[in-house]
Amino acid sequence: MAIGRELRGRLAGARRFRSRRAAELVAAFPDLAAMHVLDLGGEPPFWLGFPVRPASVTILNLLPFDEPGFETFTGDACDPPAALRSRRFDLVVSNSVIEHVGGHEPRRRFADVVHRSADRHWVQTPYRYFPVEPHWVFPGMQFLPLRARAEVTRRWPLSPGRAGNLPEAIANAASVELLSITDMRAYFPGSRLWYERFGGLIKSVTAVRG
């Protein structure tokens, strides 16, 4: 019962943060309804519930989607399919993706795709130094050794998908590398950083250029 309450609270909190980010995005780009948007790593439900629908949304994700009203591509946001490489958009949007791409070099390529695809962008990521790791909702997990993080993914009841064995747990834990403010400034120089806060602490960082 206690875990059920924790999960319900977690989901309700996530919805509140998504609503706040949506309001900030709309405020940053008041002409969003007329924009052609590239969403790197996103999913259609994010836009289906959005307060303002852009003129078009193109989604690039490792997972395939077939949703009416969206142009979708299956592929790597660090190395887009040929059909997307030369295209330009009004805005690139990405929520909680850059921390999953796998180290500095893939992050640099991801940022290059953002800059190459549009003059304006909104790239959000959880903040490394917020005291609770957001994917597993475990205090300080991001500062633990890899083996300890793997054990958290196996045993912590709030894990989004608990690994069945140690190699899988290690792969899950290693798949997330949270970024600092310095990281975001390096990948997105010249962008304004918007800080989402919880309890007075920075919870996520968004690079905004528009």
N, C-alpha and C. Protein backbone atom coordinates (compact mmCIF):
# COMPACT_ATOMS: atom_id res chain seq x y z
N MET A 1 0.82 -1.20 0.00
CA MET A 1 0.00 0.00 0.00
C MET A 1 0.86 1.26 0.00
N ALA A 2 1.92 1.26 0.83
CA ALA A 2 2.79 2.43 0.90
C ALA A 2 3.47 2.68 -0.44
N ILE A 3 3.93 1.58 -1.09
CA ILE A 3 4.57 1.72 -2.39
C ILE A 3 3.58 2.24 -3.42
N GLY A 4 2.32 1.77 -3.35
CA GLY A 4 1.30 2.26 -4.27
C GLY A 4 1.10 3.76 -4.13
N ARG A 5 1.08 4.24 -2.88
CA ARG A 5 0.94 5.67 -2.66
C ARG A 5 2.14 6.43 -3.20
N GLU A 6 3.34 5.84 -3.00
CA GLU A 6 4.55 6.47 -3.53
C GLU A 6 4.48 6.60 -5.05
N LEU A 7 4.03 5.53 -5.72
CA LEU A 7 3.95 5.56 -7.17
C LEU A 7 2.92 6.56 -7.65
N ARG A 8 1.77 6.61 -6.98
CA ARG A 8 0.75 7.58 -7.37
C ARG A 8 1.26 9.00 -7.19
N GLY A 9 1.97 9.23 -6.09
CA GLY A 9 2.54 10.55 -5.86
C GLY A 9 3.58 10.90 -6.90
N ARG A 10 4.38 9.91 -7.27
CA ARG A 10 5.41 10.12 -8.30
C ARG A 10 4.78 10.50 -9.63
N LEU A 11 3.72 9.79 -10.02
CA LEU A 11 3.06 10.08 -11.29
C LEU A 11 2.40 11.45 -11.27
N ALA A 12 1.75 11.80 -10.15
CA ALA A 12 1.12 13.10 -10.04
C ALA A 12 2.15 14.21 -10.11
N GLY A 13 3.30 14.01 -9.44
CA GLY A 13 4.37 15.00 -9.49
C GLY A 13 4.93 15.16 -10.89
N ALA A 14 5.09 14.05 -11.61
CA ALA A 14 5.60 14.12 -12.98
C ALA A 14 4.66 14.91 -13.87
N ARG A 15 3.34 14.73 -13.69
CA ARG A 15 2.37 15.49 -14.48
C ARG A 15 2.47 16.98 -14.19
N ARG A 16 2.66 17.34 -12.92
CA ARG A 16 2.78 18.76 -12.57
C ARG A 16 4.01 19.37 -13.22
N PHE A 17 5.14 18.65 -13.19
CA PHE A 17 6.36 19.17 -13.80
C PHE A 17 6.20 19.29 -15.32
N ARG A 18 5.55 18.31 -15.96
CA ARG A 18 5.32 18.40 -17.40
C ARG A 18 4.46 19.61 -17.75
N SER A 19 3.43 19.87 -16.94
CA SER A 19 2.56 21.02 -17.18
C SER A 19 3.33 22.33 -17.05
N ARG A 20 4.21 22.40 -16.04
CA ARG A 20 5.01 23.61 -15.85
C ARG A 20 5.96 23.82 -17.02
N ARG A 21 6.60 22.74 -17.47
CA ARG A 21 7.51 22.85 -18.61
C ARG A 21 6.76 23.28 -19.87
N ALA A 22 5.57 22.71 -20.06
CA ALA A 22 4.77 23.08 -21.23
C ALA A 22 4.46 24.57 -21.23
N ALA A 23 4.09 25.10 -20.07
CA ALA A 23 3.79 26.52 -19.97
C ALA A 23 5.01 27.37 -20.26
N GLU A 24 6.17 26.94 -19.78
CA GLU A 24 7.40 27.68 -20.04
C GLU A 24 7.78 27.63 -21.52
N LEU A 25 7.58 26.47 -22.15
CA LEU A 25 7.91 26.34 -23.56
C LEU A 25 7.03 27.25 -24.40
N VAL A 26 5.74 27.27 -24.10
CA VAL A 26 4.81 28.13 -24.83
C VAL A 26 5.17 29.60 -24.63
N ALA A 27 5.55 29.97 -23.41
CA ALA A 27 5.93 31.35 -23.14
C ALA A 27 7.21 31.73 -23.89
N ALA A 28 8.14 30.78 -24.00
CA ALA A 28 9.40 31.06 -24.69
C ALA A 28 9.22 31.18 -26.20
N PHE A 29 8.22 30.46 -26.73
CA PHE A 29 7.99 30.46 -28.18
C PHE A 29 6.51 30.76 -28.44
N PRO A 30 6.12 32.03 -28.35
CA PRO A 30 4.70 32.37 -28.50
C PRO A 30 4.13 32.08 -29.88
N ASP A 31 4.99 31.90 -30.88
CA ASP A 31 4.51 31.54 -32.23
C ASP A 31 4.57 30.04 -32.46
N LEU A 32 4.55 29.25 -31.39
CA LEU A 32 4.67 27.80 -31.51
C LEU A 32 3.63 27.19 -32.44
N ALA A 33 2.43 27.73 -32.45
CA ALA A 33 1.35 27.16 -33.28
C ALA A 33 1.68 27.23 -34.77
N ALA A 34 2.57 28.11 -35.15
CA ALA A 34 2.94 28.24 -36.57
C ALA A 34 4.24 27.54 -36.90
N MET A 35 4.84 26.85 -35.92
CA MET A 35 6.18 26.29 -36.10
C MET A 35 6.16 24.85 -36.58
N HIS A 36 7.23 24.50 -37.31
CA HIS A 36 7.49 23.11 -37.67
C HIS A 36 8.59 22.61 -36.72
N VAL A 37 8.24 21.63 -35.89
CA VAL A 37 9.06 21.22 -34.76
C VAL A 37 9.67 19.84 -35.01
N LEU A 38 10.95 19.70 -34.67
CA LEU A 38 11.60 18.40 -34.62
C LEU A 38 11.76 18.02 -33.15
N ASP A 39 11.21 16.89 -32.77
CA ASP A 39 11.32 16.39 -31.40
C ASP A 39 12.30 15.22 -31.40
N LEU A 40 13.44 15.42 -30.75
CA LEU A 40 14.46 14.38 -30.68
C LEU A 40 14.21 13.51 -29.45
N GLY A 41 13.86 12.26 -29.70
CA GLY A 41 13.63 11.31 -28.61
C GLY A 41 12.27 11.39 -27.97
N GLY A 42 11.37 12.16 -28.54
CA GLY A 42 10.05 12.34 -27.94
C GLY A 42 9.05 11.28 -28.36
N GLU A 43 7.83 11.44 -27.87
CA GLU A 43 6.74 10.52 -28.16
C GLU A 43 5.46 11.32 -28.42
N PRO A 44 4.55 10.79 -29.25
CA PRO A 44 3.32 11.53 -29.56
C PRO A 44 2.49 11.95 -28.35
N PRO A 45 2.36 11.13 -27.28
CA PRO A 45 1.51 11.58 -26.16
C PRO A 45 1.91 12.92 -25.56
N PHE A 46 3.21 13.25 -25.60
CA PHE A 46 3.65 14.56 -25.09
C PHE A 46 2.92 15.68 -25.80
N TRP A 47 2.79 15.57 -27.13
CA TRP A 47 2.17 16.63 -27.92
C TRP A 47 0.66 16.52 -27.95
N LEU A 48 0.14 15.32 -27.82
CA LEU A 48 -1.32 15.15 -27.83
C LEU A 48 -1.96 15.88 -26.65
N GLY A 49 -1.25 15.96 -25.52
CA GLY A 49 -1.78 16.65 -24.36
C GLY A 49 -1.25 18.06 -24.21
N PHE A 50 -0.58 18.60 -25.24
CA PHE A 50 0.07 19.90 -25.14
C PHE A 50 -0.94 21.03 -25.29
N PRO A 51 -0.76 22.15 -24.57
CA PRO A 51 -1.74 23.24 -24.66
C PRO A 51 -1.77 23.93 -26.01
N VAL A 52 -0.65 23.88 -26.76
CA VAL A 52 -0.59 24.48 -28.09
C VAL A 52 -0.02 23.44 -29.04
N ARG A 53 -0.69 23.20 -30.14
CA ARG A 53 -0.21 22.21 -31.11
C ARG A 53 0.55 22.93 -32.23
N PRO A 54 1.82 22.61 -32.44
CA PRO A 54 2.57 23.23 -33.54
C PRO A 54 1.96 22.90 -34.90
N ALA A 55 2.39 23.64 -35.91
CA ALA A 55 1.89 23.40 -37.27
C ALA A 55 2.22 21.98 -37.71
N SER A 56 3.40 21.49 -37.34
CA SER A 56 3.76 20.09 -37.60
C SER A 56 4.78 19.65 -36.57
N VAL A 57 4.77 18.35 -36.27
CA VAL A 57 5.73 17.76 -35.35
C VAL A 57 6.35 16.54 -36.01
N THR A 58 7.67 16.55 -36.12
CA THR A 58 8.42 15.40 -36.62
C THR A 58 9.16 14.78 -35.44
N ILE A 59 8.97 13.49 -35.23
CA ILE A 59 9.55 12.81 -34.08
C ILE A 59 10.60 11.81 -34.55
N LEU A 60 11.78 11.88 -33.90
CA LEU A 60 12.83 10.89 -34.13
C LEU A 60 13.06 10.15 -32.82
N ASN A 61 12.86 8.85 -32.84
CA ASN A 61 12.97 8.05 -31.62
C ASN A 61 13.52 6.68 -31.99
N LEU A 62 14.21 6.05 -31.04
CA LEU A 62 14.69 4.69 -31.27
C LEU A 62 13.53 3.71 -31.42
N LEU A 63 12.38 4.05 -30.84
CA LEU A 63 11.19 3.21 -30.93
C LEU A 63 10.30 3.66 -32.08
N PRO A 64 9.64 2.73 -32.77
CA PRO A 64 8.75 3.13 -33.86
C PRO A 64 7.40 3.61 -33.33
N PHE A 65 6.86 4.62 -33.99
CA PHE A 65 5.52 5.12 -33.66
C PHE A 65 4.73 5.26 -34.95
N ASP A 66 3.45 5.05 -34.85
CA ASP A 66 2.55 5.26 -35.98
C ASP A 66 1.32 5.97 -35.45
N GLU A 67 1.42 7.29 -35.38
CA GLU A 67 0.37 8.11 -34.79
C GLU A 67 -0.12 9.11 -35.82
N PRO A 68 -1.41 9.11 -36.16
CA PRO A 68 -1.92 10.09 -37.13
C PRO A 68 -1.61 11.52 -36.70
N GLY A 69 -1.22 12.34 -37.65
CA GLY A 69 -0.94 13.74 -37.37
C GLY A 69 0.52 14.02 -37.06
N PHE A 70 1.37 12.97 -37.03
CA PHE A 70 2.80 13.14 -36.76
C PHE A 70 3.62 12.52 -37.87
N GLU A 71 4.75 13.14 -38.16
CA GLU A 71 5.74 12.52 -39.03
C GLU A 71 6.76 11.85 -38.11
N THR A 72 6.96 10.56 -38.26
CA THR A 72 7.82 9.84 -37.33
C THR A 72 8.94 9.12 -38.07
N PHE A 73 10.11 9.11 -37.43
CA PHE A 73 11.28 8.40 -37.94
C PHE A 73 11.84 7.54 -36.81
N THR A 74 12.30 6.36 -37.15
CA THR A 74 12.96 5.49 -36.18
C THR A 74 14.47 5.59 -36.39
N GLY A 75 15.18 6.00 -35.34
CA GLY A 75 16.61 6.13 -35.47
C GLY A 75 17.24 6.83 -34.29
N ASP A 76 18.54 7.05 -34.39
CA ASP A 76 19.38 7.59 -33.33
C ASP A 76 19.42 9.11 -33.44
N ALA A 77 19.09 9.80 -32.35
CA ALA A 77 19.11 11.27 -32.35
C ALA A 77 20.52 11.83 -32.50
N CYS A 78 21.54 11.02 -32.23
CA CYS A 78 22.93 11.47 -32.42
C CYS A 78 23.40 11.26 -33.86
N ASP A 79 22.66 10.49 -34.61
CA ASP A 79 23.02 10.17 -36.00
C ASP A 79 21.73 9.94 -36.77
N PRO A 80 21.02 11.01 -37.12
CA PRO A 80 19.69 10.88 -37.72
C PRO A 80 19.70 10.16 -39.07
N PRO A 81 18.58 9.58 -39.46
CA PRO A 81 18.47 8.98 -40.79
C PRO A 81 18.75 10.02 -41.88
N ALA A 82 19.18 9.54 -43.03
CA ALA A 82 19.56 10.44 -44.14
C ALA A 82 18.43 11.40 -44.50
N ALA A 83 17.19 10.93 -44.38
CA ALA A 83 16.04 11.77 -44.76
C ALA A 83 15.90 13.01 -43.88
N LEU A 84 16.53 13.00 -42.70
CA LEU A 84 16.42 14.15 -41.79
C LEU A 84 17.66 15.03 -41.76
N ARG A 85 18.77 14.53 -42.23
CA ARG A 85 20.05 15.23 -42.01
C ARG A 85 20.11 16.61 -42.66
N SER A 86 19.49 16.77 -43.79
CA SER A 86 19.58 18.06 -44.49
C SER A 86 18.36 18.94 -44.27
N ARG A 87 17.42 18.48 -43.49
CA ARG A 87 16.19 19.27 -43.28
C ARG A 87 16.38 20.30 -42.18
N ARG A 88 15.67 21.40 -42.32
CA ARG A 88 15.68 22.46 -41.32
C ARG A 88 14.28 22.62 -40.74
N PHE A 89 14.24 22.93 -39.46
CA PHE A 89 12.99 23.13 -38.74
C PHE A 89 13.00 24.49 -38.06
N ASP A 90 11.83 24.89 -37.59
CA ASP A 90 11.75 26.16 -36.84
C ASP A 90 12.25 25.99 -35.41
N LEU A 91 12.09 24.80 -34.86
CA LEU A 91 12.41 24.58 -33.45
C LEU A 91 12.75 23.11 -33.23
N VAL A 92 13.78 22.85 -32.40
CA VAL A 92 14.08 21.50 -31.93
C VAL A 92 13.70 21.42 -30.45
N VAL A 93 12.95 20.39 -30.11
CA VAL A 93 12.53 20.15 -28.73
C VAL A 93 13.08 18.78 -28.30
N SER A 94 13.57 18.70 -27.07
CA SER A 94 14.00 17.41 -26.53
C SER A 94 13.85 17.44 -25.02
N ASN A 95 13.17 16.44 -24.50
CA ASN A 95 12.92 16.34 -23.06
C ASN A 95 13.55 15.07 -22.50
N SER A 96 14.49 15.24 -21.57
CA SER A 96 15.08 14.12 -20.84
C SER A 96 15.61 13.02 -21.77
N VAL A 97 16.42 13.44 -22.73
CA VAL A 97 17.01 12.50 -23.69
C VAL A 97 18.53 12.54 -23.66
N ILE A 98 19.11 13.73 -23.60
CA ILE A 98 20.56 13.86 -23.75
C ILE A 98 21.32 13.08 -22.67
N GLU A 99 20.71 12.86 -21.51
CA GLU A 99 21.40 12.10 -20.45
C GLU A 99 21.42 10.60 -20.73
N HIS A 100 20.73 10.16 -21.78
CA HIS A 100 20.65 8.73 -22.11
C HIS A 100 21.53 8.32 -23.29
N VAL A 101 22.19 9.28 -23.96
CA VAL A 101 22.81 8.94 -25.24
C VAL A 101 24.17 8.27 -25.11
N GLY A 102 24.82 8.35 -23.92
CA GLY A 102 26.01 7.54 -23.72
C GLY A 102 27.35 8.24 -23.76
N GLY A 103 27.60 9.20 -22.89
CA GLY A 103 28.92 9.79 -22.77
C GLY A 103 29.11 11.08 -23.55
N HIS A 104 30.29 11.66 -23.40
CA HIS A 104 30.55 12.99 -23.96
C HIS A 104 30.43 13.03 -25.48
N GLU A 105 31.07 12.10 -26.17
CA GLU A 105 31.08 12.18 -27.63
C GLU A 105 29.67 12.05 -28.22
N PRO A 106 28.85 11.09 -27.80
CA PRO A 106 27.47 11.06 -28.29
C PRO A 106 26.69 12.33 -27.92
N ARG A 107 26.93 12.88 -26.73
CA ARG A 107 26.24 14.11 -26.35
C ARG A 107 26.66 15.27 -27.26
N ARG A 108 27.93 15.31 -27.61
CA ARG A 108 28.38 16.36 -28.53
C ARG A 108 27.70 16.21 -29.89
N ARG A 109 27.58 14.97 -30.37
CA ARG A 109 26.91 14.76 -31.66
C ARG A 109 25.43 15.11 -31.56
N PHE A 110 24.81 14.78 -30.43
CA PHE A 110 23.41 15.14 -30.21
C PHE A 110 23.25 16.66 -30.29
N ALA A 111 24.12 17.39 -29.59
CA ALA A 111 24.04 18.85 -29.62
C ALA A 111 24.26 19.39 -31.03
N ASP A 112 25.17 18.78 -31.78
CA ASP A 112 25.40 19.19 -33.17
C ASP A 112 24.14 19.03 -34.00
N VAL A 113 23.40 17.93 -33.79
CA VAL A 113 22.14 17.72 -34.51
C VAL A 113 21.14 18.82 -34.15
N VAL A 114 21.07 19.17 -32.87
CA VAL A 114 20.17 20.25 -32.44
C VAL A 114 20.52 21.54 -33.17
N HIS A 115 21.80 21.93 -33.14
CA HIS A 115 22.22 23.20 -33.75
C HIS A 115 22.05 23.19 -35.26
N ARG A 116 22.28 22.04 -35.87
CA ARG A 116 22.19 21.95 -37.33
C ARG A 116 20.74 21.96 -37.83
N SER A 117 19.82 21.50 -37.00
CA SER A 117 18.45 21.30 -37.44
C SER A 117 17.58 22.54 -37.32
N ALA A 118 17.96 23.49 -36.46
CA ALA A 118 17.13 24.69 -36.27
C ALA A 118 17.93 25.77 -35.58
N ASP A 119 17.50 27.01 -35.76
CA ASP A 119 18.13 28.13 -35.05
C ASP A 119 17.62 28.23 -33.61
N ARG A 120 16.47 27.63 -33.35
CA ARG A 120 15.87 27.72 -32.01
C ARG A 120 15.74 26.32 -31.41
N HIS A 121 15.90 26.26 -30.09
CA HIS A 121 15.78 24.94 -29.45
C HIS A 121 15.32 25.07 -28.00
N TRP A 122 14.85 23.92 -27.51
CA TRP A 122 14.44 23.73 -26.11
C TRP A 122 14.91 22.33 -25.73
N VAL A 123 16.00 22.24 -24.99
CA VAL A 123 16.58 20.94 -24.65
C VAL A 123 16.64 20.83 -23.13
N GLN A 124 15.85 19.93 -22.58
CA GLN A 124 15.72 19.78 -21.12
C GLN A 124 16.39 18.49 -20.66
N THR A 125 16.98 18.54 -19.46
CA THR A 125 17.58 17.35 -18.87
C THR A 125 17.53 17.45 -17.35
N PRO A 126 17.37 16.35 -16.63
CA PRO A 126 17.44 16.41 -15.17
C PRO A 126 18.82 16.89 -14.71
N TYR A 127 18.84 17.62 -13.60
CA TYR A 127 20.08 18.19 -13.09
C TYR A 127 20.83 17.17 -12.24
N ARG A 128 22.11 17.04 -12.52
CA ARG A 128 22.93 16.02 -11.84
C ARG A 128 22.95 16.19 -10.32
N TYR A 129 22.93 17.42 -9.84
CA TYR A 129 23.14 17.64 -8.41
C TYR A 129 21.85 17.85 -7.63
N PHE A 130 20.71 17.55 -8.23
CA PHE A 130 19.49 17.44 -7.44
C PHE A 130 19.63 16.18 -6.57
N PRO A 131 19.25 16.23 -5.32
CA PRO A 131 19.60 15.12 -4.41
C PRO A 131 18.94 13.78 -4.70
N VAL A 132 17.86 13.76 -5.47
CA VAL A 132 17.18 12.50 -5.78
C VAL A 132 17.32 12.21 -7.27
N GLU A 133 17.88 11.04 -7.60
CA GLU A 133 17.98 10.63 -9.01
C GLU A 133 16.56 10.45 -9.55
N PRO A 134 16.21 11.11 -10.67
CA PRO A 134 14.80 11.17 -11.08
C PRO A 134 14.26 9.91 -11.75
N HIS A 135 15.10 9.09 -12.36
CA HIS A 135 14.60 7.92 -13.06
C HIS A 135 14.22 6.82 -12.09
N TRP A 136 15.04 6.63 -11.06
CA TRP A 136 14.78 5.58 -10.08
C TRP A 136 14.25 6.14 -8.75
N VAL A 137 14.19 7.48 -8.66
CA VAL A 137 13.68 8.16 -7.45
C VAL A 137 14.42 7.63 -6.21
N PHE A 138 15.74 7.58 -6.33
CA PHE A 138 16.57 7.07 -5.24
C PHE A 138 17.56 8.15 -4.84
N PRO A 139 17.61 8.55 -3.58
CA PRO A 139 18.49 9.64 -3.14
C PRO A 139 19.97 9.34 -3.42
N GLY A 140 20.61 10.26 -4.13
CA GLY A 140 22.04 10.17 -4.36
C GLY A 140 22.51 9.04 -5.25
N MET A 141 21.61 8.38 -5.94
CA MET A 141 22.00 7.22 -6.75
C MET A 141 23.07 7.58 -7.79
N GLN A 142 22.98 8.78 -8.37
CA GLN A 142 23.91 9.17 -9.43
C GLN A 142 25.35 9.27 -8.96
N PHE A 143 25.57 9.31 -7.64
CA PHE A 143 26.93 9.44 -7.10
C PHE A 143 27.52 8.10 -6.66
N LEU A 144 26.75 7.04 -6.76
CA LEU A 144 27.21 5.72 -6.32
C LEU A 144 28.08 5.05 -7.39
N PRO A 145 28.94 4.11 -7.01
CA PRO A 145 29.65 3.29 -8.01
C PRO A 145 28.65 2.51 -8.87
N LEU A 146 29.10 2.13 -10.06
CA LEU A 146 28.20 1.47 -11.00
C LEU A 146 27.56 0.22 -10.41
N ARG A 147 28.34 -0.60 -9.72
CA ARG A 147 27.78 -1.83 -9.16
C ARG A 147 26.67 -1.52 -8.16
N ALA A 148 26.87 -0.49 -7.34
CA ALA A 148 25.84 -0.12 -6.37
C ALA A 148 24.60 0.41 -7.09
N ARG A 149 24.78 1.18 -8.15
CA ARG A 149 23.64 1.68 -8.91
C ARG A 149 22.88 0.51 -9.54
N ALA A 150 23.64 -0.48 -10.02
CA ALA A 150 22.99 -1.66 -10.60
C ALA A 150 22.13 -2.37 -9.56
N GLU A 151 22.62 -2.49 -8.33
CA GLU A 151 21.83 -3.15 -7.29
C GLU A 151 20.56 -2.36 -6.98
N VAL A 152 20.65 -1.03 -7.06
CA VAL A 152 19.45 -0.22 -6.87
C VAL A 152 18.42 -0.56 -7.94
N THR A 153 18.85 -0.68 -9.19
CA THR A 153 17.89 -0.98 -10.26
C THR A 153 17.25 -2.35 -10.08
N ARG A 154 17.94 -3.26 -9.40
CA ARG A 154 17.39 -4.60 -9.17
C ARG A 154 16.45 -4.66 -7.98
N ARG A 155 16.73 -3.87 -6.95
CA ARG A 155 16.07 -4.08 -5.67
C ARG A 155 15.13 -2.95 -5.25
N TRP A 156 15.35 -1.75 -5.75
CA TRP A 156 14.55 -0.61 -5.31
C TRP A 156 13.13 -0.73 -5.86
N PRO A 157 12.11 -0.69 -5.00
CA PRO A 157 10.73 -0.94 -5.46
C PRO A 157 10.18 0.13 -6.40
N LEU A 158 10.79 1.32 -6.44
CA LEU A 158 10.31 2.38 -7.33
C LEU A 158 11.04 2.38 -8.68
N SER A 159 11.89 1.38 -8.92
CA SER A 159 12.58 1.30 -10.21
C SER A 159 11.56 1.22 -11.34
N PRO A 160 11.77 1.96 -12.44
CA PRO A 160 10.81 1.94 -13.54
C PRO A 160 10.69 0.59 -14.23
N GLY A 161 11.74 -0.23 -14.18
CA GLY A 161 11.70 -1.58 -14.73
C GLY A 161 12.82 -2.36 -14.10
N ARG A 162 12.50 -3.22 -13.16
CA ARG A 162 13.53 -3.89 -12.37
C ARG A 162 14.21 -4.99 -13.17
N ALA A 163 15.55 -4.91 -13.23
CA ALA A 163 16.33 -5.87 -14.02
C ALA A 163 16.25 -7.26 -13.41
N GLY A 164 16.27 -8.27 -14.28
CA GLY A 164 16.17 -9.64 -13.82
C GLY A 164 17.50 -10.27 -13.47
N ASN A 165 18.61 -9.66 -13.92
CA ASN A 165 19.92 -10.23 -13.62
C ASN A 165 20.94 -9.10 -13.55
N LEU A 166 22.15 -9.42 -13.07
CA LEU A 166 23.15 -8.39 -12.85
C LEU A 166 23.62 -7.72 -14.14
N PRO A 167 23.94 -8.45 -15.22
CA PRO A 167 24.36 -7.75 -16.45
C PRO A 167 23.30 -6.77 -16.96
N GLU A 168 22.04 -7.18 -16.89
CA GLU A 168 20.97 -6.27 -17.32
C GLU A 168 20.90 -5.06 -16.40
N ALA A 169 21.08 -5.29 -15.10
CA ALA A 169 21.04 -4.19 -14.14
C ALA A 169 22.18 -3.20 -14.38
N ILE A 170 23.37 -3.72 -14.68
CA ILE A 170 24.53 -2.85 -14.96
C ILE A 170 24.26 -2.02 -16.22
N ALA A 171 23.71 -2.66 -17.25
CA ALA A 171 23.39 -1.93 -18.48
C ALA A 171 22.36 -0.84 -18.22
N ASN A 172 21.34 -1.14 -17.41
CA ASN A 172 20.32 -0.14 -17.09
C ASN A 172 20.93 1.05 -16.35
N ALA A 173 21.74 0.74 -15.33
CA ALA A 173 22.33 1.81 -14.53
C ALA A 173 23.27 2.67 -15.36
N ALA A 174 24.05 2.03 -16.24
CA ALA A 174 25.02 2.76 -17.05
C ALA A 174 24.37 3.56 -18.17
N SER A 175 23.10 3.33 -18.44
CA SER A 175 22.42 3.99 -19.55
C SER A 175 22.04 5.43 -19.24
N VAL A 176 22.23 5.86 -17.98
CA VAL A 176 21.87 7.22 -17.58
C VAL A 176 23.10 7.91 -17.02
N GLU A 177 23.41 9.08 -17.55
CA GLU A 177 24.51 9.90 -17.04
C GLU A 177 24.01 11.34 -16.96
N LEU A 178 23.65 11.76 -15.76
CA LEU A 178 23.06 13.08 -15.58
C LEU A 178 24.08 14.18 -15.84
N LEU A 179 23.57 15.34 -16.31
CA LEU A 179 24.44 16.44 -16.71
C LEU A 179 24.41 17.57 -15.68
N SER A 180 25.50 18.33 -15.67
CA SER A 180 25.61 19.51 -14.81
C SER A 180 25.28 20.77 -15.61
N ILE A 181 25.24 21.89 -14.92
CA ILE A 181 25.05 23.18 -15.60
C ILE A 181 26.23 23.46 -16.52
N THR A 182 27.43 23.15 -16.07
CA THR A 182 28.62 23.35 -16.90
C THR A 182 28.53 22.53 -18.19
N ASP A 183 28.07 21.29 -18.09
CA ASP A 183 27.87 20.45 -19.28
C ASP A 183 26.93 21.13 -20.26
N MET A 184 25.79 21.59 -19.77
CA MET A 184 24.78 22.17 -20.65
C MET A 184 25.29 23.44 -21.30
N ARG A 185 26.04 24.25 -20.56
CA ARG A 185 26.61 25.46 -21.16
C ARG A 185 27.63 25.12 -22.24
N ALA A 186 28.37 24.03 -22.04
CA ALA A 186 29.37 23.63 -23.03
C ALA A 186 28.72 23.13 -24.32
N TYR A 187 27.65 22.34 -24.18
CA TYR A 187 26.98 21.79 -25.37
C TYR A 187 26.10 22.81 -26.07
N PHE A 188 25.60 23.79 -25.32
CA PHE A 188 24.68 24.77 -25.90
C PHE A 188 25.14 26.19 -25.56
N PRO A 189 26.32 26.59 -26.05
CA PRO A 189 26.83 27.94 -25.78
C PRO A 189 25.91 28.98 -26.42
N GLY A 190 25.70 30.06 -25.71
CA GLY A 190 24.84 31.11 -26.23
C GLY A 190 23.38 30.92 -25.91
N SER A 191 23.00 29.76 -25.38
CA SER A 191 21.62 29.50 -25.00
C SER A 191 21.35 30.04 -23.60
N ARG A 192 20.12 30.43 -23.36
CA ARG A 192 19.68 30.79 -22.01
C ARG A 192 19.35 29.51 -21.27
N LEU A 193 19.75 29.40 -20.02
CA LEU A 193 19.41 28.23 -19.22
C LEU A 193 18.25 28.55 -18.30
N TRP A 194 17.21 27.75 -18.41
CA TRP A 194 16.06 27.87 -17.51
C TRP A 194 16.14 26.75 -16.49
N TYR A 195 16.02 27.12 -15.21
CA TYR A 195 16.15 26.16 -14.12
C TYR A 195 14.78 25.85 -13.54
N GLU A 196 14.39 24.60 -13.63
CA GLU A 196 13.18 24.12 -12.98
C GLU A 196 13.54 23.75 -11.54
N ARG A 197 12.79 24.26 -10.58
CA ARG A 197 13.15 24.06 -9.18
C ARG A 197 12.07 23.28 -8.42
N PHE A 198 12.54 22.59 -7.40
CA PHE A 198 11.65 21.89 -6.47
C PHE A 198 12.21 22.09 -5.08
N GLY A 199 11.40 22.64 -4.19
CA GLY A 199 11.88 22.91 -2.84
C GLY A 199 13.05 23.87 -2.81
N GLY A 200 13.11 24.77 -3.78
CA GLY A 200 14.20 25.73 -3.85
C GLY A 200 15.45 25.22 -4.53
N LEU A 201 15.51 23.92 -4.84
CA LEU A 201 16.68 23.32 -5.47
C LEU A 201 16.44 23.13 -6.96
N ILE A 202 17.51 23.23 -7.74
CA ILE A 202 17.39 23.01 -9.19
C ILE A 202 17.13 21.53 -9.46
N LYS A 203 16.04 21.26 -10.15
CA LYS A 203 15.65 19.88 -10.46
C LYS A 203 16.01 19.49 -11.88
N SER A 204 15.86 20.44 -12.81
CA SER A 204 16.24 20.17 -14.20
C SER A 204 16.74 21.46 -14.82
N VAL A 205 17.50 21.29 -15.92
CA VAL A 205 18.10 22.41 -16.64
C VAL A 205 17.64 22.33 -18.09
N THR A 206 17.22 23.47 -18.64
CA THR A 206 16.77 23.52 -20.02
C THR A 206 17.55 24.59 -20.77
N ALA A 207 18.17 24.19 -21.87
CA ALA A 207 18.84 25.14 -22.76
C ALA A 207 17.81 25.68 -23.74
N VAL A 208 17.63 26.99 -23.74
CA VAL A 208 16.60 27.65 -24.57
C VAL A 208 17.27 28.65 -25.49
N ARG A 209 17.01 28.52 -26.76
CA ARG A 209 17.49 29.50 -27.72
C ARG A 209 16.34 29.84 -28.66
N GLY A 210 16.01 31.12 -28.74
CA GLY A 210 14.86 31.49 -29.55
C GLY A 210 14.81 32.97 -29.81
